[in-house]
Structures are given as structure tokens and as C-alpha cells.
Protein backbone atom coordinates (compact mmCIF):
# COMPACT_ATOMS: atom_id res chain seq x y z
CA UNK A 1 0.11 0.10 -0.12
CA UNK A 2 0.85 3.41 -0.36
CA UNK A 3 2.65 5.78 -2.85
CA UNK A 4 5.67 4.23 -4.97
CA UNK A 5 9.15 6.08 -4.01
CA UNK A 6 9.71 6.31 -7.50
CA UNK A 7 6.54 8.46 -8.05
CA UNK A 8 7.71 10.91 -5.67
CA UNK A 9 11.51 11.05 -6.30
CA UNK A 10 11.30 11.45 -10.29
CA UNK A 11 9.67 14.80 -10.03
CA UNK A 12 11.99 15.89 -7.55
CA UNK A 13 14.88 15.05 -9.71
CA UNK A 14 13.71 16.03 -13.28
CA UNK A 15 11.58 19.15 -12.57
CA UNK A 16 13.11 20.81 -9.31
CA UNK A 17 16.59 19.60 -8.53
CA UNK A 18 18.55 16.36 -8.09
CA UNK A 19 19.75 17.49 -4.80
CA UNK A 20 16.39 17.73 -3.51
CA UNK A 21 16.09 14.08 -4.17
CA UNK A 22 18.95 13.73 -1.79
CA UNK A 23 17.41 15.65 0.98
CA UNK A 24 14.24 13.84 0.79
CA UNK A 25 16.30 10.44 1.11
CA UNK A 26 17.62 12.01 3.94
CA UNK A 27 14.39 12.97 5.53
CA UNK A 28 12.86 9.61 5.10
CA UNK A 29 15.95 7.78 6.68
CA UNK A 30 15.89 10.31 9.58
CA UNK A 31 12.18 9.72 10.07
CA UNK A 32 12.56 5.77 9.87
CA UNK A 33 15.31 5.78 12.46
CA UNK A 34 13.38 8.49 14.99
CA UNK A 35 10.46 6.23 14.75
CA UNK A 36 12.74 2.80 15.44
CA UNK A 37 14.06 4.67 18.27
CA UNK A 38 10.67 5.49 19.74
CA UNK A 39 9.54 1.76 19.29
CA UNK A 40 12.90 0.25 20.87
CA UNK A 41 12.45 2.88 23.75
CA UNK A 42 9.00 1.77 24.47
CA UNK A 43 10.08 -2.10 24.52
CA UNK A 44 13.32 -1.27 26.59
CA UNK A 45 11.13 0.65 29.16
CA UNK A 46 8.72 -2.28 29.46
CA UNK A 47 11.52 -4.64 29.94
CA UNK A 48 13.09 -2.64 32.51
CA UNK A 49 9.77 -2.26 34.60
CA UNK A 50 9.42 -5.90 34.59
CA UNK A 51 13.03 -6.49 35.54
CA UNK A 52 12.19 -4.02 38.36
CA UNK A 53 9.09 -5.75 39.68
CA UNK A 54 10.80 -9.28 39.58
CA UNK A 55 13.78 -7.58 41.57
CA UNK A 56 11.34 -6.18 44.19
CA UNK A 57 9.62 -9.79 44.56
CA UNK A 58 12.88 -11.53 44.76
CA UNK A 59 14.03 -9.24 47.92
CA UNK A 60 10.44 -9.52 49.65
CA UNK A 61 10.92 -13.12 49.11
CA UNK A 62 14.38 -13.00 50.67
CA UNK A 63 13.51 -11.20 53.57
CA UNK A 64 10.58 -13.44 54.20
CA UNK A 65 12.85 -16.52 54.26
CA UNK A 66 15.27 -14.74 56.32
CA UNK A 67 12.49 -13.92 59.10
CA UNK A 68 11.18 -17.38 58.96
CA UNK A 69 14.58 -19.13 59.60
CA UNK A 70 15.17 -16.34 62.46
CA UNK A 71 12.00 -17.36 64.03
CA UNK A 72 13.23 -20.35 65.45
CA UNK A 73 10.14 -21.06 67.75
CA UNK A 74 7.84 -20.19 65.30
CA UNK A 75 5.95 -17.63 67.29
CA UNK A 76 5.65 -15.18 64.56
CA UNK A 77 7.69 -12.85 66.23
CA UNK A 78 11.45 -12.57 66.67
CA UNK A 79 12.95 -12.18 70.20
CA UNK A 80 16.02 -10.63 70.98
CA UNK A 81 17.86 -14.01 71.57
CA UNK A 82 16.53 -15.26 68.27
CA UNK A 83 18.03 -12.14 66.66
CA UNK A 84 21.43 -12.35 68.12
CA UNK A 85 21.68 -16.25 67.72
CA UNK A 86 21.00 -15.85 63.68
CA UNK A 87 23.67 -13.18 63.81
CA UNK A 88 26.15 -15.77 65.52
């Protein structure tokens, strides 16, 4: 779909200036690269957000495991003795 590139470039080269065809090509290249940059940015942002959420979940799981190991009498609380015993 769309307009053929040749239909746009030939009138620029023949009726106006061959230099304008080069400028047009540079404009199209710039626009395509800018669009690719935006699309890449969206994907990278999504990947970084997912990685951040995974990292936070892993830290929460590690802290839960640490408290579970430290609570030796399974009372749901950590006494000073249990805390000091875990540090040793």
C-alpha cells in the first residue's frame, strides 16, 4: 500500500533539482530512524519495568525467608535471643 517511492523522487529530480531527491532521502531515513528509536524505547522501558518488579519480588521473598529462619520457635515474632543467635 501507499505511494511508490519512484513516483515521488522522479519529479523532484527532473523538475526541481537532483539535490532535492537526496534531501528527501535523508528526510525519510531520519524519520524511519526516529520511529525505530521510539519503538525501541517503548520495548526497553517495558523490559526495565518488568525487571524492577521481579527484583522487588525477589527481595521480598528473601526477607520473608530470613524472618522465617530467624523465628526458631515459630511464634510469629523474633525475640532478641533469636536475632542474636541468627547473627552468630
